[in-house]
Amino acid sequence: MQSLDGEQSLMRIFIGESDRYENKPLYKVLLELFRAKGFAGATVLRGVAGFGANSVLHTDRLLCLSQDLPLVIEVIDSEEKIESIIPQLDDILQGGMITLEKARVIYYKK
């Protein structure tokens, strides 16, 4: 198991629940990619509401239930490892947004 103590990078990928890649849900493709590449961890979070570059509101309200809720995939690992995957993400993502920030890992155990 790799050591992650100290300063690492946190990447957030903002996509929609209905986004797909090669006929598969995009979030699943990304999770499989990060796992196969040995990243320390990744989590998919589903938002209750949000909008992106096109300003279309996506929400879970019953009266206007969206089939495309916002998803955020959070990935943490070394800055080098995160930077190395970005060209591959550029080929996979058709839209959305990626952000990077520093994160101080204080606990990471199996």
C-alpha atoms as a PDB file:
ATOM      1  CA  MET A   1       0.000   0.000   0.000  1.00  0.00           C
ATOM      2  CA  GLN A   2       1.369   3.383  -0.967  1.00  0.00           C
ATOM      3  CA  SER A   3       2.008   6.128   1.553  1.00  0.00           C
ATOM      4  CA  LEU A   4      -0.060   9.250   1.074  1.00  0.00           C
ATOM      5  CA  ASP A   5       0.846  11.251   4.137  1.00  0.00           C
ATOM      6  CA  GLY A   6       1.333  14.956   3.583  1.00  0.00           C
ATOM      7  CA  GLU A   7       0.543  17.175   0.636  1.00  0.00           C
ATOM      8  CA  GLN A   8      -1.184  15.499  -2.301  1.00  0.00           C
ATOM      9  CA  SER A   9      -3.456  16.626  -5.151  1.00  0.00           C
ATOM     10  CA  LEU A  10      -7.236  16.464  -5.228  1.00  0.00           C
ATOM     11  CA  MET A  11      -8.833  16.355  -8.653  1.00  0.00           C
ATOM     12  CA  ARG A  12     -12.551  16.959  -9.077  1.00  0.00           C
ATOM     13  CA  ILE A  13     -14.314  16.047 -12.295  1.00  0.00           C
ATOM     14  CA  PHE A  14     -17.761  17.566 -12.818  1.00  0.00           C
ATOM     15  CA  ILE A  15     -19.986  15.660 -15.248  1.00  0.00           C
ATOM     16  CA  GLY A  16     -23.645  14.717 -15.698  1.00  0.00           C
ATOM     17  CA  GLU A  17     -25.237  11.463 -14.635  1.00  0.00           C
ATOM     18  CA  SER A  18     -26.306  10.721 -18.218  1.00  0.00           C
ATOM     19  CA  ASP A  19     -22.828  11.299 -19.712  1.00  0.00           C
ATOM     20  CA  ARG A  20     -21.501   8.233 -21.489  1.00  0.00           C
ATOM     21  CA  TYR A  21     -18.317   6.971 -23.095  1.00  0.00           C
ATOM     22  CA  GLU A  22     -18.414   4.100 -25.576  1.00  0.00           C
ATOM     23  CA  ASN A  23     -21.971   3.274 -24.485  1.00  0.00           C
ATOM     24  CA  LYS A  24     -21.061   2.997 -20.769  1.00  0.00           C
ATOM     25  CA  PRO A  25     -21.820   5.458 -17.971  1.00  0.00           C
ATOM     26  CA  LEU A  26     -18.901   7.887 -17.931  1.00  0.00           C
ATOM     27  CA  TYR A  27     -18.498   7.821 -14.159  1.00  0.00           C
ATOM     28  CA  LYS A  28     -18.018   4.029 -14.266  1.00  0.00           C
ATOM     29  CA  VAL A  29     -15.453   4.311 -17.063  1.00  0.00           C
ATOM     30  CA  LEU A  30     -13.520   6.893 -15.043  1.00  0.00           C
ATOM     31  CA  LEU A  31     -13.625   4.842 -11.832  1.00  0.00           C
ATOM     32  CA  GLU A  32     -12.372   1.775 -13.716  1.00  0.00           C
ATOM     33  CA  LEU A  33      -9.573   3.858 -15.250  1.00  0.00           C
ATOM     34  CA  PHE A  34      -8.426   5.284 -11.900  1.00  0.00           C
ATOM     35  CA  ARG A  35      -8.524   1.860 -10.275  1.00  0.00           C
ATOM     36  CA  ALA A  36      -6.609   0.235 -13.131  1.00  0.00           C
ATOM     37  CA  LYS A  37      -3.954   2.961 -12.966  1.00  0.00           C
ATOM     38  CA  GLY A  38      -3.493   2.369  -9.224  1.00  0.00           C
ATOM     39  CA  PHE A  39      -4.794   5.666  -7.890  1.00  0.00           C
ATOM     40  CA  ALA A  40      -5.093   5.926  -4.108  1.00  0.00           C
ATOM     41  CA  GLY A  41      -8.845   6.498  -4.186  1.00  0.00           C
ATOM     42  CA  ALA A  42     -11.820   7.918  -6.034  1.00  0.00           C
ATOM     43  CA  THR A  43     -15.388   8.691  -5.002  1.00  0.00           C
ATOM     44  CA  VAL A  44     -18.471   9.578  -7.058  1.00  0.00           C
ATOM     45  CA  LEU A  45     -20.832  12.088  -5.454  1.00  0.00           C
ATOM     46  CA  ARG A  46     -24.334  12.793  -6.792  1.00  0.00           C
ATOM     47  CA  GLY A  47     -25.558  16.362  -6.518  1.00  0.00           C
ATOM     48  CA  VAL A  48     -29.152  17.343  -5.783  1.00  0.00           C
ATOM     49  CA  ALA A  49     -28.978  20.333  -8.133  1.00  0.00           C
ATOM     50  CA  GLY A  50     -26.572  22.191 -10.351  1.00  0.00           C
ATOM     51  CA  PHE A  51     -25.851  23.767 -13.700  1.00  0.00           C
ATOM     52  CA  GLY A  52     -22.856  23.921 -15.977  1.00  0.00           C
ATOM     53  CA  ALA A  53     -21.566  25.840 -18.974  1.00  0.00           C
ATOM     54  CA  ASN A  54     -24.929  25.746 -20.757  1.00  0.00           C
ATOM     55  CA  SER A  55     -26.775  27.118 -17.652  1.00  0.00           C
ATOM     56  CA  VAL A  56     -29.444  24.368 -17.789  1.00  0.00           C
ATOM     57  CA  LEU A  57     -30.596  23.606 -14.243  1.00  0.00           C
ATOM     58  CA  HIS A  58     -30.551  19.938 -13.231  1.00  0.00           C
ATOM     59  CA  THR A  59     -32.415  19.106 -10.029  1.00  0.00           C
ATOM     60  CA  ASP A  60     -33.920  16.228  -8.068  1.00  0.00           C
ATOM     61  CA  ARG A  61     -37.106  18.162  -7.205  1.00  0.00           C
ATOM     62  CA  LEU A  62     -40.122  15.955  -7.819  1.00  0.00           C
ATOM     63  CA  LEU A  63     -41.944  18.414 -10.113  1.00  0.00           C
ATOM     64  CA  CYS A  64     -39.030  18.709 -12.506  1.00  0.00           C
ATOM     65  CA  LEU A  65     -37.030  15.552 -11.854  1.00  0.00           C
ATOM     66  CA  SER A  66     -33.880  15.534 -13.954  1.00  0.00           C
ATOM     67  CA  GLN A  67     -32.530  12.411 -15.603  1.00  0.00           C
ATOM     68  CA  ASP A  68     -29.144  14.111 -15.637  1.00  0.00           C
ATOM     69  CA  LEU A  69     -28.183  15.013 -12.070  1.00  0.00           C
ATOM     70  CA  PRO A  70     -24.720  16.478 -11.525  1.00  0.00           C
ATOM     71  CA  LEU A  71     -21.917  14.116 -10.505  1.00  0.00           C
ATOM     72  CA  VAL A  72     -18.561  14.995  -8.981  1.00  0.00           C
ATOM     73  CA  ILE A  73     -15.754  12.454  -9.052  1.00  0.00           C
ATOM     74  CA  GLU A  74     -13.069  13.167  -6.476  1.00  0.00           C
ATOM     75  CA  VAL A  75      -9.658  11.575  -6.976  1.00  0.00           C
ATOM     76  CA  ILE A  76      -6.669  11.947  -4.685  1.00  0.00           C
ATOM     77  CA  ASP A  77      -3.062  11.007  -5.320  1.00  0.00           C
ATOM     78  CA  SER A  78       0.322  12.597  -5.961  1.00  0.00           C
ATOM     79  CA  GLU A  79       0.489  15.654  -8.188  1.00  0.00           C
ATOM     80  CA  GLU A  80       2.582  13.711 -10.703  1.00  0.00           C
ATOM     81  CA  LYS A  81       0.086  10.861 -10.946  1.00  0.00           C
ATOM     82  CA  ILE A  82      -2.872  13.237 -11.315  1.00  0.00           C
ATOM     83  CA  GLU A  83      -1.070  15.279 -14.001  1.00  0.00           C
ATOM     84  CA  SER A  84      -0.151  12.105 -15.896  1.00  0.00           C
ATOM     85  CA  ILE A  85      -3.801  11.074 -16.385  1.00  0.00           C
ATOM     86  CA  ILE A  86      -5.089  14.443 -17.644  1.00  0.00           C
ATOM     87  CA  PRO A  87      -4.271  13.829 -21.357  1.00  0.00           C
ATOM     88  CA  GLN A  88      -6.258  10.582 -21.223  1.00  0.00           C
ATOM     89  CA  LEU A  89      -9.166  12.389 -19.551  1.00  0.00           C
ATOM     90  CA  ASP A  90      -9.075  14.980 -22.317  1.00  0.00           C
ATOM     91  CA  ASP A  91      -9.699  12.157 -24.825  1.00  0.00           C
ATOM     92  CA  ILE A  92     -12.565  10.649 -22.778  1.00  0.00           C
ATOM     93  CA  LEU A  93     -14.485  13.733 -21.613  1.00  0.00           C
ATOM     94  CA  GLN A  94     -16.811  15.459 -24.063  1.00  0.00           C
ATOM     95  CA  GLY A  95     -17.779  18.192 -21.609  1.00  0.00           C
ATOM     96  CA  GLY A  96     -17.727  19.013 -17.939  1.00  0.00           C
ATOM     97  CA  MET A  97     -14.968  20.543 -15.852  1.00  0.00           C
ATOM     98  CA  ILE A  98     -11.837  19.406 -14.028  1.00  0.00           C
ATOM     99  CA  THR A  99     -10.340  21.229 -11.050  1.00  0.00           C
ATOM    100  CA  LEU A 100      -7.155  20.574  -9.115  1.00  0.00           C
ATOM    101  CA  GLU A 101      -6.204  21.645  -5.620  1.00  0.00           C
ATOM    102  CA  LYS A 102      -3.768  20.729  -2.903  1.00  0.00           C
ATOM    103  CA  ALA A 103      -4.954  18.420  -0.127  1.00  0.00           C
ATOM    104  CA  ARG A 104      -3.151  17.512   3.072  1.00  0.00           C
ATOM    105  CA  VAL A 105      -3.667  13.827   3.801  1.00  0.00           C
ATOM    106  CA  ILE A 106      -3.595  13.148   7.523  1.00  0.00           C
ATOM    107  CA  TYR A 107      -4.914   9.572   7.527  1.00  0.00           C
ATOM    108  CA  TYR A 108      -4.890   6.856   4.864  1.00  0.00           C
ATOM    109  CA  LYS A 109      -5.021   3.199   5.863  1.00  0.00           C
ATOM    110  CA  LYS A 110      -6.456  -0.024   4.542  1.00  0.00           C
END
